[in-house]
Amino acid sequence: MSQNQNTKPTDEPHIKRMADLLRQGSTLTELACPACASPLFRLKNGDLWCAKCEKKVIIVKEETEVAKITSALNLETLEATLLAKIQEIQEKMQHETNVEELQKLGTALSGLLENLEKVRKAKRL
């Protein structure tokens, strides 16, 4: 007895992710992903999520919102980069014994911390 192709269970991973999202309490919305047209899910925290792209989706209604969101995302990325660089310098300082090199690392660290403070202030605006 042959099985009809149309009734074969899907092996597509994004379908399984969609089912997992529903089991975890996410809600299927009427919205579609702008990148792949797959249905979007509203997570418990309120974020919109595309199970196929595996990315958060932000819906904007006006051009000014696009600029604000892009700016916020850029600041988040910059903050993460600064924190990573601060961590790298801290690790180098722990193992460094050369005083001149420690001074260079200290100066670089000071500059990174100042920039981190500026980014965090900009995020609050």
PDB file of N, CA and C in Angstrom:
ATOM      1  N   MET A   1       0.847  -1.154   0.000  1.00  0.00           N
ATOM      2  CA  MET A   1       0.000   0.000   0.000  1.00  0.00           C
ATOM      3  C   MET A   1       0.908   1.237   0.000  1.00  0.00           C
ATOM      4  N   SER A   2       0.722   2.148  -0.961  1.00  0.00           N
ATOM      5  CA  SER A   2       1.571   3.337  -1.064  1.00  0.00           C
ATOM      6  C   SER A   2       0.917   4.501  -0.335  1.00  0.00           C
ATOM      7  N   GLN A   3       1.767   5.334   0.234  1.00  0.00           N
ATOM      8  CA  GLN A   3       1.268   6.488   0.987  1.00  0.00           C
ATOM      9  C   GLN A   3       1.198   7.676   0.036  1.00  0.00           C
ATOM     10  N   ASN A   4       0.116   8.417   0.081  1.00  0.00           N
ATOM     11  CA  ASN A   4      -0.079   9.589  -0.744  1.00  0.00           C
ATOM     12  C   ASN A   4       0.924  10.662  -0.324  1.00  0.00           C
ATOM     13  N   GLN A   5       1.582  11.309  -1.321  1.00  0.00           N
ATOM     14  CA  GLN A   5       2.588  12.326  -1.017  1.00  0.00           C
ATOM     15  C   GLN A   5       1.999  13.505  -0.262  1.00  0.00           C
ATOM     16  N   ASN A   6       0.770  13.860  -0.524  1.00  0.00           N
ATOM     17  CA  ASN A   6       0.150  15.016   0.108  1.00  0.00           C
ATOM     18  C   ASN A   6      -0.131  14.803   1.594  1.00  0.00           C
ATOM     19  N   THR A   7      -0.203  13.570   2.040  1.00  0.00           N
ATOM     20  CA  THR A   7      -0.479  13.314   3.449  1.00  0.00           C
ATOM     21  C   THR A   7       0.781  12.969   4.235  1.00  0.00           C
ATOM     22  N   LYS A   8       1.933  13.019   3.575  1.00  0.00           N
ATOM     23  CA  LYS A   8       3.200  12.706   4.239  1.00  0.00           C
ATOM     24  C   LYS A   8       3.534  13.783   5.267  1.00  0.00           C
ATOM     25  N   PRO A   9       3.906  13.399   6.486  1.00  0.00           N
ATOM     26  CA  PRO A   9       4.271  14.400   7.487  1.00  0.00           C
ATOM     27  C   PRO A   9       5.493  15.193   7.021  1.00  0.00           C
ATOM     28  N   THR A  10       5.504  16.460   7.340  1.00  0.00           N
ATOM     29  CA  THR A  10       6.598  17.321   6.904  1.00  0.00           C
ATOM     30  C   THR A  10       7.834  17.117   7.766  1.00  0.00           C
ATOM     31  N   ASP A  11       8.977  17.228   7.134  1.00  0.00           N
ATOM     32  CA  ASP A  11      10.242  17.132   7.853  1.00  0.00           C
ATOM     33  C   ASP A  11      10.923  18.490   7.933  1.00  0.00           C
ATOM     34  N   GLU A  12      10.201  19.543   7.527  1.00  0.00           N
ATOM     35  CA  GLU A  12      10.802  20.869   7.523  1.00  0.00           C
ATOM     36  C   GLU A  12      10.992  21.355   8.956  1.00  0.00           C
ATOM     37  N   PRO A  13      12.212  21.765   9.290  1.00  0.00           N
ATOM     38  CA  PRO A  13      12.506  22.173  10.671  1.00  0.00           C
ATOM     39  C   PRO A  13      11.687  23.366  11.143  1.00  0.00           C
ATOM     40  N   HIS A  14      11.367  24.312  10.252  1.00  0.00           N
ATOM     41  CA  HIS A  14      10.624  25.482  10.718  1.00  0.00           C
ATOM     42  C   HIS A  14       9.205  25.127  11.137  1.00  0.00           C
ATOM     43  N   ILE A  15       8.631  24.080  10.549  1.00  0.00           N
ATOM     44  CA  ILE A  15       7.299  23.632  10.963  1.00  0.00           C
ATOM     45  C   ILE A  15       7.371  23.089  12.393  1.00  0.00           C
ATOM     46  N   LYS A  16       8.419  22.358  12.676  1.00  0.00           N
ATOM     47  CA  LYS A  16       8.613  21.840  14.039  1.00  0.00           C
ATOM     48  C   LYS A  16       8.830  22.978  15.027  1.00  0.00           C
ATOM     49  N   ARG A  17       9.579  24.010  14.600  1.00  0.00           N
ATOM     50  CA  ARG A  17       9.793  25.168  15.487  1.00  0.00           C
ATOM     51  C   ARG A  17       8.477  25.891  15.753  1.00  0.00           C
ATOM     52  N   MET A  18       7.629  25.973  14.730  1.00  0.00           N
ATOM     53  CA  MET A  18       6.316  26.613  14.910  1.00  0.00           C
ATOM     54  C   MET A  18       5.487  25.854  15.947  1.00  0.00           C
ATOM     55  N   ALA A  19       5.487  24.532  15.840  1.00  0.00           N
ATOM     56  CA  ALA A  19       4.745  23.715  16.803  1.00  0.00           C
ATOM     57  C   ALA A  19       5.312  23.902  18.211  1.00  0.00           C
ATOM     58  N   ASP A  20       6.636  23.972  18.311  1.00  0.00           N
ATOM     59  CA  ASP A  20       7.269  24.186  19.614  1.00  0.00           C
ATOM     60  C   ASP A  20       6.858  25.531  20.204  1.00  0.00           C
ATOM     61  N   LEU A  21       6.812  26.564  19.356  1.00  0.00           N
ATOM     62  CA  LEU A  21       6.404  27.886  19.843  1.00  0.00           C
ATOM     63  C   LEU A  21       4.986  27.852  20.403  1.00  0.00           C
ATOM     64  N   LEU A  22       4.093  27.170  19.710  1.00  0.00           N
ATOM     65  CA  LEU A  22       2.712  27.065  20.185  1.00  0.00           C
ATOM     66  C   LEU A  22       2.647  26.309  21.512  1.00  0.00           C
ATOM     67  N   ARG A  23       3.412  25.233  21.619  1.00  0.00           N
ATOM     68  CA  ARG A  23       3.437  24.457  22.870  1.00  0.00           C
ATOM     69  C   ARG A  23       3.990  25.285  24.031  1.00  0.00           C
ATOM     70  N   GLN A  24       4.887  26.237  23.719  1.00  0.00           N
ATOM     71  CA  GLN A  24       5.497  27.070  24.758  1.00  0.00           C
ATOM     72  C   GLN A  24       4.628  28.269  25.128  1.00  0.00           C
ATOM     73  N   GLY A  25       3.452  28.383  24.493  1.00  0.00           N
ATOM     74  CA  GLY A  25       2.537  29.452  24.861  1.00  0.00           C
ATOM     75  C   GLY A  25       2.565  30.661  23.954  1.00  0.00           C
ATOM     76  N   SER A  26       3.312  30.606  22.862  1.00  0.00           N
ATOM     77  CA  SER A  26       3.311  31.715  21.910  1.00  0.00           C
ATOM     78  C   SER A  26       1.997  31.720  21.146  1.00  0.00           C
ATOM     79  N   THR A  27       1.654  32.866  20.580  1.00  0.00           N
ATOM     80  CA  THR A  27       0.400  33.025  19.856  1.00  0.00           C
ATOM     81  C   THR A  27       0.682  33.242  18.380  1.00  0.00           C
ATOM     82  N   LEU A  28      -0.028  32.525  17.536  1.00  0.00           N
ATOM     83  CA  LEU A  28       0.068  32.723  16.092  1.00  0.00           C
ATOM     84  C   LEU A  28      -0.671  34.012  15.753  1.00  0.00           C
ATOM     85  N   THR A  29      -0.029  34.908  15.003  1.00  0.00           N
ATOM     86  CA  THR A  29      -0.660  36.180  14.649  1.00  0.00           C
ATOM     87  C   THR A  29      -1.122  36.146  13.194  1.00  0.00           C
ATOM     88  N   GLU A  30      -1.827  37.197  12.800  1.00  0.00           N
ATOM     89  CA  GLU A  30      -2.271  37.323  11.408  1.00  0.00           C
ATOM     90  C   GLU A  30      -1.178  37.955  10.553  1.00  0.00           C
ATOM     91  N   LEU A  31      -0.064  38.335  11.154  1.00  0.00           N
ATOM     92  CA  LEU A  31       1.023  39.006  10.455  1.00  0.00           C
ATOM     93  C   LEU A  31       1.952  38.011   9.776  1.00  0.00           C
ATOM     94  N   ALA A  32       2.587  38.461   8.693  1.00  0.00           N
ATOM     95  CA  ALA A  32       3.545  37.626   7.974  1.00  0.00           C
ATOM     96  C   ALA A  32       4.926  38.258   8.037  1.00  0.00           C
ATOM     97  N   CYS A  33       5.942  37.439   8.027  1.00  0.00           N
ATOM     98  CA  CYS A  33       7.323  37.910   8.037  1.00  0.00           C
ATOM     99  C   CYS A  33       7.599  38.684   6.745  1.00  0.00           C
ATOM    100  N   PRO A  34       8.175  39.877   6.853  1.00  0.00           N
ATOM    101  CA  PRO A  34       8.469  40.640   5.646  1.00  0.00           C
ATOM    102  C   PRO A  34       9.579  40.013   4.798  1.00  0.00           C
ATOM    103  N   ALA A  35      10.386  39.136   5.381  1.00  0.00           N
ATOM    104  CA  ALA A  35      11.489  38.516   4.648  1.00  0.00           C
ATOM    105  C   ALA A  35      11.085  37.226   3.938  1.00  0.00           C
ATOM    106  N   CYS A  36      10.246  36.398   4.595  1.00  0.00           N
ATOM    107  CA  CYS A  36       9.944  35.073   4.020  1.00  0.00           C
ATOM    108  C   CYS A  36       8.452  34.789   3.885  1.00  0.00           C
ATOM    109  N   ALA A  37       7.605  35.696   4.373  1.00  0.00           N
ATOM    110  CA  ALA A  37       6.141  35.575   4.313  1.00  0.00           C
ATOM    111  C   ALA A  37       5.575  34.467   5.206  1.00  0.00           C
ATOM    112  N   SER A  38       6.382  33.918   6.075  1.00  0.00           N
ATOM    113  CA  SER A  38       5.917  32.907   7.025  1.00  0.00           C
ATOM    114  C   SER A  38       5.109  33.594   8.123  1.00  0.00           C
ATOM    115  N   PRO A  39       4.160  32.895   8.740  1.00  0.00           N
ATOM    116  CA  PRO A  39       3.377  33.513   9.815  1.00  0.00           C
ATOM    117  C   PRO A  39       4.275  33.896  10.997  1.00  0.00           C
ATOM    118  N   LEU A  40       3.922  35.012  11.644  1.00  0.00           N
ATOM    119  CA  LEU A  40       4.672  35.472  12.811  1.00  0.00           C
ATOM    120  C   LEU A  40       3.985  35.027  14.094  1.00  0.00           C
ATOM    121  N   PHE A  41       4.780  34.795  15.112  1.00  0.00           N
ATOM    122  CA  PHE A  41       4.285  34.392  16.420  1.00  0.00           C
ATOM    123  C   PHE A  41       4.572  35.505  17.414  1.00  0.00           C
ATOM    124  N   ARG A  42       3.644  35.718  18.340  1.00  0.00           N
ATOM    125  CA  ARG A  42       3.879  36.660  19.439  1.00  0.00           C
ATOM    126  C   ARG A  42       4.326  35.822  20.635  1.00  0.00           C
ATOM    127  N   LEU A  43       5.563  36.077  21.065  1.00  0.00           N
ATOM    128  CA  LEU A  43       6.116  35.356  22.204  1.00  0.00           C
ATOM    129  C   LEU A  43       5.481  35.860  23.497  1.00  0.00           C
ATOM    130  N   LYS A  44       5.682  35.139  24.578  1.00  0.00           N
ATOM    131  CA  LYS A  44       5.117  35.531  25.868  1.00  0.00           C
ATOM    132  C   LYS A  44       5.594  36.911  26.318  1.00  0.00           C
ATOM    133  N   ASN A  45       6.804  37.298  25.904  1.00  0.00           N
ATOM    134  CA  ASN A  45       7.333  38.608  26.296  1.00  0.00           C
ATOM    135  C   ASN A  45       6.826  39.734  25.400  1.00  0.00           C
ATOM    136  N   GLY A  46       6.000  39.401  24.397  1.00  0.00           N
ATOM    137  CA  GLY A  46       5.414  40.405  23.518  1.00  0.00           C
ATOM    138  C   GLY A  46       6.137  40.582  22.191  1.00  0.00           C
ATOM    139  N   ASP A  47       7.328  40.029  22.058  1.00  0.00           N
ATOM    140  CA  ASP A  47       8.080  40.154  20.813  1.00  0.00           C
ATOM    141  C   ASP A  47       7.418  39.345  19.701  1.00  0.00           C
ATOM    142  N   LEU A  48       7.590  39.826  18.465  1.00  0.00           N
ATOM    143  CA  LEU A  48       7.162  39.058  17.299  1.00  0.00           C
ATOM    144  C   LEU A  48       8.343  38.227  16.826  1.00  0.00           C
ATOM    145  N   TRP A  49       8.076  36.973  16.420  1.00  0.00           N
ATOM    146  CA  TRP A  49       9.144  36.037  16.067  1.00  0.00           C
ATOM    147  C   TRP A  49       8.792  35.286  14.804  1.00  0.00           C
ATOM    148  N   CYS A  50       9.773  35.169  13.902  1.00  0.00           N
ATOM    149  CA  CYS A  50       9.591  34.352  12.702  1.00  0.00           C
ATOM    150  C   CYS A  50      10.294  33.020  12.948  1.00  0.00           C
ATOM    151  N   ALA A  51       9.529  31.947  12.932  1.00  0.00           N
ATOM    152  CA  ALA A  51      10.095  30.621  13.189  1.00  0.00           C
ATOM    153  C   ALA A  51      10.944  30.139  12.013  1.00  0.00           C
ATOM    154  N   LYS A  52      10.631  30.584  10.825  1.00  0.00           N
ATOM    155  CA  LYS A  52      11.386  30.155   9.651  1.00  0.00           C
ATOM    156  C   LYS A  52      12.741  30.854   9.583  1.00  0.00           C
ATOM    157  N   CYS A  53      12.756  32.174   9.762  1.00  0.00           N
ATOM    158  CA  CYS A  53      14.011  32.938   9.742  1.00  0.00           C
ATOM    159  C   CYS A  53      14.769  32.829  11.063  1.00  0.00           C
ATOM    160  N   GLU A  54      14.045  32.433  12.124  1.00  0.00           N
ATOM    161  CA  GLU A  54      14.584  32.362  13.481  1.00  0.00           C
ATOM    162  C   GLU A  54      15.114  33.722  13.928  1.00  0.00           C
ATOM    163  N   LYS A  55      14.274  34.757  13.711  1.00  0.00           N
ATOM    164  CA  LYS A  55      14.657  36.117  14.072  1.00  0.00           C
ATOM    165  C   LYS A  55      13.475  36.873  14.652  1.00  0.00           C
ATOM    166  N   LYS A  56      13.816  37.846  15.488  1.00  0.00           N
ATOM    167  CA  LYS A  56      12.820  38.775  16.007  1.00  0.00           C
ATOM    168  C   LYS A  56      12.410  39.704  14.859  1.00  0.00           C
ATOM    169  N   VAL A  57      11.132  40.047  14.798  1.00  0.00           N
ATOM    170  CA  VAL A  57      10.617  40.936  13.760  1.00  0.00           C
ATOM    171  C   VAL A  57      10.031  42.161  14.439  1.00  0.00           C
ATOM    172  N   ILE A  58      10.379  43.314  13.908  1.00  0.00           N
ATOM    173  CA  ILE A  58       9.853  44.571  14.431  1.00  0.00           C
ATOM    174  C   ILE A  58       9.009  45.205  13.343  1.00  0.00           C
ATOM    175  N   ILE A  59       7.764  45.488  13.648  1.00  0.00           N
ATOM    176  CA  ILE A  59       6.845  46.125  12.716  1.00  0.00           C
ATOM    177  C   ILE A  59       6.835  47.614  13.010  1.00  0.00           C
ATOM    178  N   VAL A  60       7.073  48.416  11.975  1.00  0.00           N
ATOM    179  CA  VAL A  60       7.045  49.871  12.143  1.00  0.00           C
ATOM    180  C   VAL A  60       5.960  50.453  11.258  1.00  0.00           C
ATOM    181  N   LYS A  61       5.335  51.494  11.751  1.00  0.00           N
ATOM    182  CA  LYS A  61       4.216  52.088  11.033  1.00  0.00           C
ATOM    183  C   LYS A  61       4.597  53.401  10.350  1.00  0.00           C
ATOM    184  N   GLU A  62       5.639  54.074  10.817  1.00  0.00           N
ATOM    185  CA  GLU A  62       6.033  55.359  10.267  1.00  0.00           C
ATOM    186  C   GLU A  62       7.544  55.395  10.074  1.00  0.00           C
ATOM    187  N   GLU A  63       7.988  56.251   9.164  1.00  0.00           N
ATOM    188  CA  GLU A  63       9.418  56.399   8.897  1.00  0.00           C
ATOM    189  C   GLU A  63      10.194  56.817  10.141  1.00  0.00           C
ATOM    190  N   THR A  64       9.592  57.650  10.978  1.00  0.00           N
ATOM    191  CA  THR A  64      10.303  58.084  12.183  1.00  0.00           C
ATOM    192  C   THR A  64      10.563  56.904  13.111  1.00  0.00           C
ATOM    193  N   GLU A  65       9.639  55.936  13.122  1.00  0.00           N
ATOM    194  CA  GLU A  65       9.847  54.738  13.939  1.00  0.00           C
ATOM    195  C   GLU A  65      11.013  53.924  13.406  1.00  0.00           C
ATOM    196  N   VAL A  66      11.162  53.866  12.088  1.00  0.00           N
ATOM    197  CA  VAL A  66      12.271  53.122  11.479  1.00  0.00           C
ATOM    198  C   VAL A  66      13.600  53.701  11.954  1.00  0.00           C
ATOM    199  N   ALA A  67      13.707  55.014  11.916  1.00  0.00           N
ATOM    200  CA  ALA A  67      14.942  55.669  12.345  1.00  0.00           C
ATOM    201  C   ALA A  67      15.226  55.409  13.819  1.00  0.00           C
ATOM    202  N   LYS A  68      14.199  55.496  14.660  1.00  0.00           N
ATOM    203  CA  LYS A  68      14.375  55.258  16.094  1.00  0.00           C
ATOM    204  C   LYS A  68      14.818  53.826  16.370  1.00  0.00           C
ATOM    205  N   ILE A  69      14.165  52.879  15.714  1.00  0.00           N
ATOM    206  CA  ILE A  69      14.481  51.466  15.947  1.00  0.00           C
ATOM    207  C   ILE A  69      15.870  51.130  15.423  1.00  0.00           C
ATOM    208  N   THR A  70      16.207  51.653  14.250  1.00  0.00           N
ATOM    209  CA  THR A  70      17.537  51.412  13.694  1.00  0.00           C
ATOM    210  C   THR A  70      18.608  51.990  14.616  1.00  0.00           C
ATOM    211  N   SER A  71      18.361  53.185  15.111  1.00  0.00           N
ATOM    212  CA  SER A  71      19.308  53.818  16.025  1.00  0.00           C
ATOM    213  C   SER A  71      19.459  52.993  17.302  1.00  0.00           C
ATOM    214  N   ALA A  72      18.348  52.537  17.857  1.00  0.00           N
ATOM    215  CA  ALA A  72      18.394  51.730  19.083  1.00  0.00           C
ATOM    216  C   ALA A  72      19.152  50.427  18.858  1.00  0.00           C
ATOM    217  N   LEU A  73      18.915  49.782  17.716  1.00  0.00           N
ATOM    218  CA  LEU A  73      19.610  48.524  17.419  1.00  0.00           C
ATOM    219  C   LEU A  73      21.106  48.766  17.233  1.00  0.00           C
ATOM    220  N   ASN A  74      21.456  49.872  16.592  1.00  0.00           N
ATOM    221  CA  ASN A  74      22.869  50.204  16.412  1.00  0.00           C
ATOM    222  C   ASN A  74      23.543  50.462  17.754  1.00  0.00           C
ATOM    223  N   LEU A  75      22.845  51.147  18.654  1.00  0.00           N
ATOM    224  CA  LEU A  75      23.404  51.404  19.983  1.00  0.00           C
ATOM    225  C   LEU A  75      23.578  50.102  20.765  1.00  0.00           C
ATOM    226  N   GLU A  76      22.617  49.184  20.630  1.00  0.00           N
ATOM    227  CA  GLU A  76      22.736  47.878  21.305  1.00  0.00           C
ATOM    228  C   GLU A  76      23.971  47.135  20.802  1.00  0.00           C
ATOM    229  N   THR A  77      24.170  47.141  19.491  1.00  0.00           N
ATOM    230  CA  THR A  77      25.320  46.462  18.892  1.00  0.00           C
ATOM    231  C   THR A  77      26.618  47.110  19.350  1.00  0.00           C
ATOM    232  N   LEU A  78      26.648  48.437  19.344  1.00  0.00           N
ATOM    233  CA  LEU A  78      27.846  49.162  19.779  1.00  0.00           C
ATOM    234  C   LEU A  78      28.147  48.878  21.248  1.00  0.00           C
ATOM    235  N   GLU A  79      27.118  48.856  22.073  1.00  0.00           N
ATOM    236  CA  GLU A  79      27.321  48.561  23.492  1.00  0.00           C
ATOM    237  C   GLU A  79      27.895  47.155  23.674  1.00  0.00           C
ATOM    238  N   ALA A  80      27.371  46.192  22.954  1.00  0.00           N
ATOM    239  CA  ALA A  80      27.872  44.812  23.059  1.00  0.00           C
ATOM    240  C   ALA A  80      29.333  44.729  22.613  1.00  0.00           C
ATOM    241  N   THR A  81      29.678  45.455  21.562  1.00  0.00           N
ATOM    242  CA  THR A  81      31.058  45.455  21.074  1.00  0.00           C
ATOM    243  C   THR A  81      31.993  46.075  22.104  1.00  0.00           C
ATOM    244  N   LEU A  82      31.582  47.199  22.673  1.00  0.00           N
ATOM    245  CA  LEU A  82      32.408  47.849  23.697  1.00  0.00           C
ATOM    246  C   LEU A  82      32.610  46.943  24.911  1.00  0.00           C
ATOM    247  N   LEU A  83      31.542  46.280  25.347  1.00  0.00           N
ATOM    248  CA  LEU A  83      31.662  45.368  26.492  1.00  0.00           C
ATOM    249  C   LEU A  83      32.617  44.216  26.192  1.00  0.00           C
ATOM    250  N   ALA A  84      32.562  43.703  24.969  1.00  0.00           N
ATOM    251  CA  ALA A  84      33.465  42.613  24.586  1.00  0.00           C
ATOM    252  C   ALA A  84      34.916  43.083  24.593  1.00  0.00           C
ATOM    253  N   LYS A  85      35.149  44.290  24.086  1.00  0.00           N
ATOM    254  CA  LYS A  85      36.518  44.827  24.057  1.00  0.00           C
ATOM    255  C   LYS A  85      37.025  45.122  25.465  1.00  0.00           C
ATOM    256  N   ILE A  86      36.161  45.608  26.327  1.00  0.00           N
ATOM    257  CA  ILE A  86      36.537  45.853  27.728  1.00  0.00           C
ATOM    258  C   ILE A  86      36.955  44.535  28.384  1.00  0.00           C
ATOM    259  N   GLN A  87      36.194  43.488  28.112  1.00  0.00           N
ATOM    260  CA  GLN A  87      36.524  42.167  28.654  1.00  0.00           C
ATOM    261  C   GLN A  87      37.884  41.689  28.135  1.00  0.00           C
ATOM    262  N   GLU A  88      38.138  41.883  26.848  1.00  0.00           N
ATOM    263  CA  GLU A  88      39.427  41.472  26.268  1.00  0.00           C
ATOM    264  C   GLU A  88      40.584  42.198  26.935  1.00  0.00           C
ATOM    265  N   ILE A  89      40.440  43.503  27.127  1.00  0.00           N
ATOM    266  CA  ILE A  89      41.516  44.276  27.749  1.00  0.00           C
ATOM    267  C   ILE A  89      41.718  43.850  29.201  1.00  0.00           C
ATOM    268  N   GLN A  90      40.624  43.604  29.899  1.00  0.00           N
ATOM    269  CA  GLN A  90      40.734  43.169  31.295  1.00  0.00           C
ATOM    270  C   GLN A  90      41.516  41.852  31.379  1.00  0.00           C
ATOM    271  N   GLU A  91      41.237  40.932  30.466  1.00  0.00           N
ATOM    272  CA  GLU A  91      41.954  39.654  30.462  1.00  0.00           C
ATOM    273  C   GLU A  91      43.431  39.845  30.150  1.00  0.00           C
ATOM    274  N   LYS A  92      43.741  40.746  29.211  1.00  0.00           N
ATOM    275  CA  LYS A  92      45.145  41.023  28.886  1.00  0.00           C
ATOM    276  C   LYS A  92      45.860  41.647  30.082  1.00  0.00           C
ATOM    277  N   MET A  93      45.173  42.550  30.790  1.00  0.00           N
ATOM    278  CA  MET A  93      45.780  43.215  31.940  1.00  0.00           C
ATOM    279  C   MET A  93      46.105  42.231  33.057  1.00  0.00           C
ATOM    280  N   GLN A  94      45.281  41.218  33.233  1.00  0.00           N
ATOM    281  CA  GLN A  94      45.510  40.240  34.297  1.00  0.00           C
ATOM    282  C   GLN A  94      46.819  39.493  34.111  1.00  0.00           C
ATOM    283  N   HIS A  95      47.237  39.316  32.861  1.00  0.00           N
ATOM    284  CA  HIS A  95      48.431  38.512  32.592  1.00  0.00           C
ATOM    285  C   HIS A  95      49.649  39.356  32.227  1.00  0.00           C
ATOM    286  N   GLU A  96      49.458  40.659  32.096  1.00  0.00           N
ATOM    287  CA  GLU A  96      50.554  41.536  31.668  1.00  0.00           C
ATOM    288  C   GLU A  96      51.419  41.931  32.857  1.00  0.00           C
ATOM    289  N   THR A  97      52.753  41.907  32.658  1.00  0.00           N
ATOM    290  CA  THR A  97      53.682  42.326  33.709  1.00  0.00           C
ATOM    291  C   THR A  97      54.461  43.570  33.300  1.00  0.00           C
ATOM    292  N   ASN A  98      54.501  43.888  32.025  1.00  0.00           N
ATOM    293  CA  ASN A  98      55.212  45.060  31.518  1.00  0.00           C
ATOM    294  C   ASN A  98      54.419  46.320  31.860  1.00  0.00           C
ATOM    295  N   VAL A  99      55.061  47.231  32.607  1.00  0.00           N
ATOM    296  CA  VAL A  99      54.387  48.442  33.083  1.00  0.00           C
ATOM    297  C   VAL A  99      53.938  49.313  31.919  1.00  0.00           C
ATOM    298  N   GLU A 100      54.779  49.469  30.904  1.00  0.00           N
ATOM    299  CA  GLU A 100      54.411  50.303  29.753  1.00  0.00           C
ATOM    300  C   GLU A 100      53.193  49.729  29.030  1.00  0.00           C
ATOM    301  N   GLU A 101      53.159  48.438  28.881  1.00  0.00           N
ATOM    302  CA  GLU A 101      52.016  47.794  28.219  1.00  0.00           C
ATOM    303  C   GLU A 101      50.760  47.937  29.077  1.00  0.00           C
ATOM    304  N   LEU A 102      50.906  47.831  30.395  1.00  0.00           N
ATOM    305  CA  LEU A 102      49.772  48.036  31.295  1.00  0.00           C
ATOM    306  C   LEU A 102      49.229  49.453  31.188  1.00  0.00           C
ATOM    307  N   GLN A 103      50.112  50.430  31.028  1.00  0.00           N
ATOM    308  CA  GLN A 103      49.673  51.816  30.862  1.00  0.00           C
ATOM    309  C   GLN A 103      48.881  51.984  29.557  1.00  0.00           C
ATOM    310  N   LYS A 104      49.365  51.360  28.473  1.00  0.00           N
ATOM    311  CA  LYS A 104      48.660  51.418  27.188  1.00  0.00           C
ATOM    312  C   LYS A 104      47.278  50.776  27.307  1.00  0.00           C
ATOM    313  N   LEU A 105      47.247  49.620  27.965  1.00  0.00           N
ATOM    314  CA  LEU A 105      45.964  48.930  28.136  1.00  0.00           C
ATOM    315  C   LEU A 105      45.024  49.757  29.013  1.00  0.00           C
ATOM    316  N   GLY A 106      45.575  50.391  30.042  1.00  0.00           N
ATOM    317  CA  GLY A 106      44.766  51.242  30.922  1.00  0.00           C
ATOM    318  C   GLY A 106      44.175  52.429  30.179  1.00  0.00           C
ATOM    319  N   THR A 107      44.954  53.029  29.305  1.00  0.00           N
ATOM    320  CA  THR A 107      44.472  54.157  28.505  1.00  0.00           C
ATOM    321  C   THR A 107      43.359  53.694  27.564  1.00  0.00           C
ATOM    322  N   ALA A 108      43.580  52.560  26.921  1.00  0.00           N
ATOM    323  CA  ALA A 108      42.553  52.016  26.017  1.00  0.00           C
ATOM    324  C   ALA A 108      41.284  51.676  26.791  1.00  0.00           C
ATOM    325  N   LEU A 109      41.444  51.090  27.958  1.00  0.00           N
ATOM    326  CA  LEU A 109      40.293  50.738  28.786  1.00  0.00           C
ATOM    327  C   LEU A 109      39.518  51.980  29.204  1.00  0.00           C
ATOM    328  N   SER A 110      40.236  53.018  29.584  1.00  0.00           N
ATOM    329  CA  SER A 110      39.589  54.265  29.982  1.00  0.00           C
ATOM    330  C   SER A 110      38.752  54.835  28.828  1.00  0.00           C
ATOM    331  N   GLY A 111      39.307  54.823  27.625  1.00  0.00           N
ATOM    332  CA  GLY A 111      38.575  55.312  26.461  1.00  0.00           C
ATOM    333  C   GLY A 111      37.334  54.488  26.165  1.00  0.00           C
ATOM    334  N   LEU A 112      37.462  53.177  26.292  1.00  0.00           N
ATOM    335  CA  LEU A 112      36.310  52.298  26.059  1.00  0.00           C
ATOM    336  C   LEU A 112      35.216  52.543  27.090  1.00  0.00           C
ATOM    337  N   LEU A 113      35.608  52.722  28.348  1.00  0.00           N
ATOM    338  CA  LEU A 113      34.619  52.966  29.402  1.00  0.00           C
ATOM    339  C   LEU A 113      33.902  54.298  29.197  1.00  0.00           C
ATOM    340  N   GLU A 114      34.645  55.315  28.755  1.00  0.00           N
ATOM    341  CA  GLU A 114      34.020  56.611  28.458  1.00  0.00           C
ATOM    342  C   GLU A 114      32.996  56.463  27.325  1.00  0.00           C
ATOM    343  N   ASN A 115      33.390  55.735  26.291  1.00  0.00           N
ATOM    344  CA  ASN A 115      32.475  55.529  25.166  1.00  0.00           C
ATOM    345  C   ASN A 115      31.261  54.699  25.573  1.00  0.00           C
ATOM    346  N   LEU A 116      31.468  53.718  26.430  1.00  0.00           N
ATOM    347  CA  LEU A 116      30.353  52.915  26.915  1.00  0.00           C
ATOM    348  C   LEU A 116      29.361  53.792  27.676  1.00  0.00           C
ATOM    349  N   GLU A 117      29.872  54.696  28.499  1.00  0.00           N
ATOM    350  CA  GLU A 117      29.004  55.609  29.239  1.00  0.00           C
ATOM    351  C   GLU A 117      28.202  56.492  28.275  1.00  0.00           C
ATOM    352  N   LYS A 118      28.854  56.981  27.224  1.00  0.00           N
ATOM    353  CA  LYS A 118      28.167  57.821  26.236  1.00  0.00           C
ATOM    354  C   LYS A 118      27.069  57.038  25.518  1.00  0.00           C
ATOM    355  N   VAL A 119      27.356  55.799  25.147  1.00  0.00           N
ATOM    356  CA  VAL A 119      26.359  54.964  24.469  1.00  0.00           C
ATOM    357  C   VAL A 119      25.171  54.726  25.388  1.00  0.00           C
ATOM    358  N   ARG A 120      25.434  54.436  26.645  1.00  0.00           N
ATOM    359  CA  ARG A 120      24.336  54.183  27.589  1.00  0.00           C
ATOM    360  C   ARG A 120      23.500  55.433  27.825  1.00  0.00           C
ATOM    361  N   LYS A 121      24.132  56.595  27.844  1.00  0.00           N
ATOM    362  CA  LYS A 121      23.374  57.855  27.954  1.00  0.00           C
ATOM    363  C   LYS A 121      22.505  58.046  26.718  1.00  0.00           C
ATOM    364  N   ALA A 122      23.048  57.776  25.542  1.00  0.00           N
ATOM    365  CA  ALA A 122      22.296  57.934  24.299  1.00  0.00           C
ATOM    366  C   ALA A 122      21.112  56.980  24.255  1.00  0.00           C
ATOM    367  N   LYS A 123      21.253  55.804  24.820  1.00  0.00           N
ATOM    368  CA  LYS A 123      20.155  54.834  24.849  1.00  0.00           C
ATOM    369  C   LYS A 123      19.005  55.321  25.726  1.00  0.00           C
ATOM    370  N   ARG A 124      19.318  56.096  26.749  1.00  0.00           N
ATOM    371  CA  ARG A 124      18.283  56.587  27.665  1.00  0.00           C
ATOM    372  C   ARG A 124      17.482  57.745  27.077  1.00  0.00           C
ATOM    373  N   LEU A 125      18.004  58.401  26.047  1.00  0.00           N
ATOM    374  CA  LEU A 125      17.322  59.564  25.452  1.00  0.00           C
ATOM    375  C   LEU A 125      16.072  59.175  24.708  1.00  0.00           C
TER     376      LEU A 125
END
